C-alpha atoms as a PDB file:
ATOM      1  CA  UNK A   1       0.000   0.000   0.000  1.00  0.00           C
ATOM      2  CA  UNK A   2       1.382   3.441  -0.921  1.00  0.00           C
ATOM      3  CA  UNK A   3       1.821   6.250   1.612  1.00  0.00           C
ATOM      4  CA  UNK A   4      -1.070   8.123  -0.058  1.00  0.00           C
ATOM      5  CA  UNK A   5      -3.316   5.076   0.351  1.00  0.00           C
ATOM      6  CA  UNK A   6      -2.292   4.656   4.011  1.00  0.00           C
ATOM      7  CA  UNK A   7      -3.019   8.351   4.667  1.00  0.00           C
ATOM      8  CA  UNK A   8      -6.426   8.142   2.960  1.00  0.00           C
ATOM      9  CA  UNK A   9      -7.357   5.037   4.973  1.00  0.00           C
ATOM     10  CA  UNK A  10      -6.202   6.663   8.228  1.00  0.00           C
ATOM     11  CA  UNK A  11      -8.134   9.838   7.373  1.00  0.00           C
ATOM     12  CA  UNK A  12     -11.374   7.916   6.830  1.00  0.00           C
ATOM     13  CA  UNK A  13     -11.101   6.446  10.326  1.00  0.00           C
ATOM     14  CA  UNK A  14      -9.699   9.551  12.072  1.00  0.00           C
ATOM     15  CA  UNK A  15     -12.272  11.990  10.749  1.00  0.00           C
ATOM     16  CA  UNK A  16     -15.133   9.857  12.067  1.00  0.00           C
ATOM     17  CA  UNK A  17     -13.571   9.714  15.542  1.00  0.00           C
ATOM     18  CA  UNK A  18     -12.594  13.394  15.607  1.00  0.00           C
ATOM     19  CA  UNK A  19     -15.629  14.981  13.965  1.00  0.00           C
ATOM     20  CA  UNK A  20     -17.367  15.974  17.178  1.00  0.00           C
ATOM     21  CA  UNK A  21     -14.274  17.563  18.728  1.00  0.00           C
ATOM     22  CA  UNK A  22     -13.165  20.108  16.161  1.00  0.00           C
ATOM     23  CA  UNK A  23     -14.284  23.292  14.447  1.00  0.00           C
ATOM     24  CA  UNK A  24     -12.060  23.032  11.414  1.00  0.00           C
ATOM     25  CA  UNK A  25     -12.813  23.829   7.775  1.00  0.00           C
ATOM     26  CA  UNK A  26     -12.126  20.134   7.108  1.00  0.00           C
ATOM     27  CA  UNK A  27     -15.356  19.217   8.892  1.00  0.00           C
ATOM     28  CA  UNK A  28     -17.915  21.364   7.147  1.00  0.00           C
ATOM     29  CA  UNK A  29     -20.452  20.420   4.488  1.00  0.00           C
ATOM     30  CA  UNK A  30     -17.785  20.744   1.770  1.00  0.00           C
ATOM     31  CA  UNK A  31     -15.817  18.435  -0.515  1.00  0.00           C
ATOM     32  CA  UNK A  32     -12.921  18.782   1.946  1.00  0.00           C
ATOM     33  CA  UNK A  33     -14.678  16.220   4.111  1.00  0.00           C
ATOM     34  CA  UNK A  34     -13.150  13.537   1.909  1.00  0.00           C
ATOM     35  CA  UNK A  35      -9.756  15.146   1.278  1.00  0.00           C
ATOM     36  CA  UNK A  36      -7.075  14.264   3.822  1.00  0.00           C
ATOM     37  CA  UNK A  37      -5.147  17.122   5.422  1.00  0.00           C
ATOM     38  CA  UNK A  38      -1.379  17.369   4.882  1.00  0.00           C
ATOM     39  CA  UNK A  39       0.656  14.457   6.248  1.00  0.00           C
ATOM     40  CA  UNK A  40       4.177  14.944   7.593  1.00  0.00           C
ATOM     41  CA  UNK A  41       6.535  13.793  10.327  1.00  0.00           C
ATOM     42  CA  UNK A  42       8.414  15.656  13.029  1.00  0.00           C
ATOM     43  CA  UNK A  43      12.195  16.003  12.881  1.00  0.00           C
ATOM     44  CA  UNK A  44      14.674  15.298  10.128  1.00  0.00           C
ATOM     45  CA  UNK A  45      15.211  11.547  10.430  1.00  0.00           C
ATOM     46  CA  UNK A  46      13.219   8.365  10.996  1.00  0.00           C
ATOM     47  CA  UNK A  47      14.455   8.107  14.581  1.00  0.00           C
ATOM     48  CA  UNK A  48      13.576  11.755  15.356  1.00  0.00           C
ATOM     49  CA  UNK A  49      10.141  11.272  13.801  1.00  0.00           C
ATOM     50  CA  UNK A  50       9.489   8.246  16.016  1.00  0.00           C
ATOM     51  CA  UNK A  51      10.907   9.850  19.161  1.00  0.00           C
ATOM     52  CA  UNK A  52       8.869  13.052  18.770  1.00  0.00           C
ATOM     53  CA  UNK A  53       5.713  11.174  17.777  1.00  0.00           C
ATOM     54  CA  UNK A  54       6.053   9.062  20.937  1.00  0.00           C
ATOM     55  CA  UNK A  55       6.049  12.314  22.951  1.00  0.00           C
ATOM     56  CA  UNK A  56       2.903  13.446  21.112  1.00  0.00           C
ATOM     57  CA  UNK A  57       1.127  10.145  21.711  1.00  0.00           C
ATOM     58  CA  UNK A  58       2.087  10.252  25.401  1.00  0.00           C
ATOM     59  CA  UNK A  59       0.581  13.747  25.695  1.00  0.00           C
ATOM     60  CA  UNK A  60       3.956  15.277  26.581  1.00  0.00           C
ATOM     61  CA  UNK A  61       4.489  17.170  23.320  1.00  0.00           C
ATOM     62  CA  UNK A  62       1.719  19.646  22.472  1.00  0.00           C
ATOM     63  CA  UNK A  63       3.808  22.211  20.604  1.00  0.00           C
ATOM     64  CA  UNK A  64       6.433  22.452  17.911  1.00  0.00           C
ATOM     65  CA  UNK A  65       8.652  25.109  16.381  1.00  0.00           C
ATOM     66  CA  UNK A  66       9.924  25.705  12.857  1.00  0.00           C
ATOM     67  CA  UNK A  67      12.050  28.336  11.193  1.00  0.00           C
ATOM     68  CA  UNK A  68       9.844  30.795   9.295  1.00  0.00           C
ATOM     69  CA  UNK A  69      12.645  31.096   6.760  1.00  0.00           C
ATOM     70  CA  UNK A  70      12.230  27.384   5.918  1.00  0.00           C
ATOM     71  CA  UNK A  71       8.533  27.903   5.189  1.00  0.00           C
ATOM     72  CA  UNK A  72       9.468  30.781   2.894  1.00  0.00           C
ATOM     73  CA  UNK A  73      12.304  28.884   1.171  1.00  0.00           C
ATOM     74  CA  UNK A  74      10.032  25.877   0.601  1.00  0.00           C
ATOM     75  CA  UNK A  75       7.147  28.098  -0.562  1.00  0.00           C
ATOM     76  CA  UNK A  76       4.880  26.618   2.121  1.00  0.00           C
ATOM     77  CA  UNK A  77       2.255  28.482   4.061  1.00  0.00           C
ATOM     78  CA  UNK A  78       2.545  28.889   7.809  1.00  0.00           C
ATOM     79  CA  UNK A  79       0.061  26.762   9.769  1.00  0.00           C
ATOM     80  CA  UNK A  80      -3.087  28.486  10.994  1.00  0.00           C
ATOM     81  CA  UNK A  81      -5.347  27.899  13.953  1.00  0.00           C
ATOM     82  CA  UNK A  82      -7.928  25.205  13.191  1.00  0.00           C
ATOM     83  CA  UNK A  83      -5.884  23.444  10.531  1.00  0.00           C
ATOM     84  CA  UNK A  84      -5.480  19.703  10.699  1.00  0.00           C
ATOM     85  CA  UNK A  85      -2.439  17.554  10.001  1.00  0.00           C
ATOM     86  CA  UNK A  86      -1.762  13.848   9.920  1.00  0.00           C
ATOM     87  CA  UNK A  87       1.471  13.002  11.714  1.00  0.00           C
ATOM     88  CA  UNK A  88       3.516  10.142  10.290  1.00  0.00           C
ATOM     89  CA  UNK A  89       5.967   7.922  12.106  1.00  0.00           C
ATOM     90  CA  UNK A  90       9.506   7.398  10.837  1.00  0.00           C
ATOM     91  CA  UNK A  91       8.421   4.709   8.392  1.00  0.00           C
ATOM     92  CA  UNK A  92       5.693   6.893   6.876  1.00  0.00           C
ATOM     93  CA  UNK A  93       2.747   5.311   8.693  1.00  0.00           C
ATOM     94  CA  UNK A  94      -0.014   7.756   9.722  1.00  0.00           C
ATOM     95  CA  UNK A  95      -0.363   7.693  13.499  1.00  0.00           C
ATOM     96  CA  UNK A  96      -2.094  10.859  14.732  1.00  0.00           C
ATOM     97  CA  UNK A  97      -4.520  13.518  13.602  1.00  0.00           C
ATOM     98  CA  UNK A  98      -3.724  16.881  15.189  1.00  0.00           C
ATOM     99  CA  UNK A  99      -5.424  20.258  15.152  1.00  0.00           C
ATOM    100  CA  UNK A 100      -3.395  23.468  15.359  1.00  0.00           C
ATOM    101  CA  UNK A 101      -4.728  25.461  18.307  1.00  0.00           C
ATOM    102  CA  UNK A 102      -2.386  28.465  18.225  1.00  0.00           C
ATOM    103  CA  UNK A 103       0.370  29.906  16.039  1.00  0.00           C
ATOM    104  CA  UNK A 104       2.746  32.713  16.897  1.00  0.00           C
ATOM    105  CA  UNK A 105       5.852  33.920  15.075  1.00  0.00           C
ATOM    106  CA  UNK A 106       8.529  35.222  17.441  1.00  0.00           C
ATOM    107  CA  UNK A 107      12.294  35.767  17.309  1.00  0.00           C
ATOM    108  CA  UNK A 108      14.282  32.691  18.364  1.00  0.00           C
ATOM    109  CA  UNK A 109      15.670  34.446  21.430  1.00  0.00           C
ATOM    110  CA  UNK A 110      12.151  35.394  22.562  1.00  0.00           C
ATOM    111  CA  UNK A 111      10.654  31.902  22.563  1.00  0.00           C
ATOM    112  CA  UNK A 112       9.506  31.435  26.148  1.00  0.00           C
ATOM    113  CA  UNK A 113       9.825  28.811  28.840  1.00  0.00           C
ATOM    114  CA  UNK A 114       6.211  27.715  28.461  1.00  0.00           C
ATOM    115  CA  UNK A 115       6.673  26.901  24.781  1.00  0.00           C
ATOM    116  CA  UNK A 116       9.872  24.980  25.543  1.00  0.00           C
ATOM    117  CA  UNK A 117       8.015  22.967  28.192  1.00  0.00           C
ATOM    118  CA  UNK A 118       5.105  22.244  25.821  1.00  0.00           C
ATOM    119  CA  UNK A 119       7.489  20.883  23.184  1.00  0.00           C
ATOM    120  CA  UNK A 120       8.202  18.115  25.703  1.00  0.00           C
ATOM    121  CA  UNK A 121      11.775  17.365  24.688  1.00  0.00           C
ATOM    122  CA  UNK A 122      14.758  16.650  26.930  1.00  0.00           C
ATOM    123  CA  UNK A 123      14.409  18.182  30.374  1.00  0.00           C
ATOM    124  CA  UNK A 124      11.763  20.549  28.936  1.00  0.00           C
ATOM    125  CA  UNK A 125      13.814  23.619  29.916  1.00  0.00           C
ATOM    126  CA  UNK A 126      14.278  26.727  27.793  1.00  0.00           C
ATOM    127  CA  UNK A 127      18.069  26.251  27.848  1.00  0.00           C
ATOM    128  CA  UNK A 128      17.755  22.748  26.382  1.00  0.00           C
ATOM    129  CA  UNK A 129      15.152  23.918  23.862  1.00  0.00           C
ATOM    130  CA  UNK A 130      17.506  26.664  22.641  1.00  0.00           C
ATOM    131  CA  UNK A 131      20.472  24.312  22.378  1.00  0.00           C
ATOM    132  CA  UNK A 132      18.550  21.609  20.502  1.00  0.00           C
ATOM    133  CA  UNK A 133      16.730  24.013  18.194  1.00  0.00           C
ATOM    134  CA  UNK A 134      19.773  26.118  17.356  1.00  0.00           C
ATOM    135  CA  UNK A 135      21.534  22.923  16.287  1.00  0.00           C
ATOM    136  CA  UNK A 136      18.467  21.695  14.361  1.00  0.00           C
ATOM    137  CA  UNK A 137      17.850  25.053  12.651  1.00  0.00           C
ATOM    138  CA  UNK A 138      21.528  25.163  11.651  1.00  0.00           C
ATOM    139  CA  UNK A 139      21.923  21.569  10.456  1.00  0.00           C
ATOM    140  CA  UNK A 140      18.588  21.134   8.674  1.00  0.00           C
ATOM    141  CA  UNK A 141      17.824  24.557   7.220  1.00  0.00           C
ATOM    142  CA  UNK A 142      16.394  24.728   3.723  1.00  0.00           C
ATOM    143  CA  UNK A 143      16.982  28.487   3.615  1.00  0.00           C
ATOM    144  CA  UNK A 144      20.297  30.302   3.128  1.00  0.00           C
ATOM    145  CA  UNK A 145      20.151  32.800   5.996  1.00  0.00           C
ATOM    146  CA  UNK A 146      22.070  30.718   8.524  1.00  0.00           C
ATOM    147  CA  UNK A 147      21.205  30.761  12.205  1.00  0.00           C
ATOM    148  CA  UNK A 148      20.499  34.034  13.995  1.00  0.00           C
ATOM    149  CA  UNK A 149      19.280  34.639  17.561  1.00  0.00           C
ATOM    150  CA  UNK A 150      16.610  36.955  16.162  1.00  0.00           C
ATOM    151  CA  UNK A 151      15.486  34.642  13.349  1.00  0.00           C
ATOM    152  CA  UNK A 152      11.682  34.287  13.144  1.00  0.00           C
ATOM    153  CA  UNK A 153      10.370  31.041  14.601  1.00  0.00           C
ATOM    154  CA  UNK A 154       6.877  29.668  14.037  1.00  0.00           C
ATOM    155  CA  UNK A 155       5.666  28.442  17.431  1.00  0.00           C
ATOM    156  CA  UNK A 156       2.705  26.147  16.938  1.00  0.00           C
ATOM    157  CA  UNK A 157       0.506  24.521  19.556  1.00  0.00           C
ATOM    158  CA  UNK A 158      -1.703  21.569  18.767  1.00  0.00           C
ATOM    159  CA  UNK A 159      -3.947  18.953  20.233  1.00  0.00           C
ATOM    160  CA  UNK A 160      -4.386  15.325  19.258  1.00  0.00           C
ATOM    161  CA  UNK A 161      -7.842  14.563  17.909  1.00  0.00           C
ATOM    162  CA  UNK A 162      -7.221  10.912  17.094  1.00  0.00           C
ATOM    163  CA  UNK A 163      -4.305   8.538  17.468  1.00  0.00           C
ATOM    164  CA  UNK A 164      -3.646   5.078  16.118  1.00  0.00           C
ATOM    165  CA  UNK A 165      -1.851   3.565  19.097  1.00  0.00           C
END
């Protein structure tokens, strides 16, 4: 079965389970009811995808952060409140349906302790968040700006609507 087929099958099940819990444009009386939302995985490797997904499924990770410059370089739109995503594991299997609950773009050096804690990684401290994300934003950038303490970061919060555990 292809990844697209797996996502479509997951979406059919997830949207039935999640329908009562969300006020998203995906759940209106529109053709979008049958179109799966974007599917992606956290991190930059299979092991990171699995590790971060495990945190999501455990309820520890309810936020994520991305470099705005990567969205711009990849010609992708920034997530918006109410949007849905299907989160894949490291092997490309759909595992969770999430809804974006809040999005804020802030300079890297102004990301706060609460956001670091909500990301759920390491010891959940701001110091660890900065260390890990500076390294990630440097090593895995798709833009050509390099790392900067005042670079814009997309801080996204989400909630799990359905999980295949």
